[in-house]
Amino acid sequence: MKPEIHPTYATATVRCACGNTFQTRSTHAEIQTDLCAACHPFFTGKQKLIDTAGRVERFRQKYGKASA
């Protein structure tokens, strides 16, 4: 690598909107996110199925799935 053309790669603090913080490495000193693994519905198991205009119900009726 050529010297003095690459940004410094140092420890960075990641701050989530939920209040969770953790350390990683980046060219930025601080990173702010809206979702992290501690609050994302997919990783926490609290995933909600959002029914928009009855699409889920129509899918269940079409393919014979029982409504829950």
Protein backbone atom coordinates (compact mmCIF):
# COMPACT_ATOMS: atom_id res chain seq x y z
CA MET A 1 0.00 0.00 0.00
CA LYS A 2 1.14 3.51 -0.68
CA PRO A 3 1.85 5.47 2.48
CA GLU A 4 -0.28 8.47 3.49
CA ILE A 5 -3.14 7.92 1.01
CA HIS A 6 -5.34 5.62 3.15
CA PRO A 7 -7.60 6.83 5.96
CA THR A 8 -6.83 5.77 9.50
CA TYR A 9 -8.61 2.60 10.58
CA ALA A 10 -9.24 2.80 14.30
CA THR A 11 -11.70 1.71 16.98
CA ALA A 12 -15.18 3.18 16.56
CA THR A 13 -18.18 3.36 18.86
CA VAL A 14 -21.51 2.32 17.35
CA ARG A 15 -24.58 3.87 19.02
CA CYS A 16 -28.05 2.56 18.27
CA ALA A 17 -31.30 4.48 18.70
CA CYS A 18 -32.35 1.91 21.34
CA GLY A 19 -29.39 2.92 23.52
CA ASN A 20 -27.17 -0.07 22.78
CA THR A 21 -23.48 0.69 22.17
CA PHE A 22 -20.61 -1.51 21.05
CA GLN A 23 -17.10 -1.18 19.69
CA THR A 24 -15.94 -2.03 16.18
CA ARG A 25 -13.30 -0.85 13.73
CA SER A 26 -13.95 1.83 11.14
CA THR A 27 -12.56 4.93 9.50
CA HIS A 28 -15.17 6.95 11.44
CA ALA A 29 -14.83 7.56 15.17
CA GLU A 30 -18.55 7.24 15.91
CA ILE A 31 -21.37 5.56 13.99
CA GLN A 32 -25.09 6.08 14.73
CA THR A 33 -27.67 3.52 13.60
CA ASP A 34 -31.43 3.14 13.84
CA LEU A 35 -31.42 -0.65 14.35
CA CYS A 36 -28.92 -3.11 15.79
CA ALA A 37 -28.89 -6.83 16.61
CA ALA A 38 -30.21 -6.06 20.11
CA CYS A 39 -33.38 -4.33 18.90
CA HIS A 40 -33.98 -5.61 15.35
CA PRO A 41 -37.20 -7.67 15.24
CA PHE A 42 -35.61 -10.49 13.21
CA PHE A 43 -32.85 -11.10 15.74
CA THR A 44 -34.96 -10.61 18.90
CA GLY A 45 -37.75 -12.96 17.81
CA LYS A 46 -40.38 -10.23 18.22
CA GLN A 47 -41.02 -9.98 14.51
CA LYS A 48 -44.51 -8.76 13.71
CA LEU A 49 -46.36 -9.47 10.53
CA ILE A 50 -47.85 -6.20 9.30
CA ASP A 51 -51.07 -6.77 7.40
CA THR A 52 -51.39 -4.09 4.76
CA ALA A 53 -54.84 -3.93 3.15
CA GLY A 54 -55.60 -7.60 3.93
CA ARG A 55 -52.73 -9.02 1.88
CA VAL A 56 -51.78 -11.60 4.49
CA GLU A 57 -55.38 -12.76 4.88
CA ARG A 58 -55.80 -13.06 1.09
CA PHE A 59 -52.58 -15.11 0.92
CA ARG A 60 -53.79 -17.43 3.67
CA GLN A 61 -57.17 -17.89 1.98
CA LYS A 62 -55.59 -18.54 -1.41
CA TYR A 63 -53.12 -21.15 -0.16
CA GLY A 64 -55.30 -22.71 2.55
CA LYS A 65 -53.34 -21.52 5.57
CA ALA A 66 -55.27 -21.29 8.84
CA SER A 67 -55.72 -17.80 10.16
CA ALA A 68 -53.83 -17.22 13.42
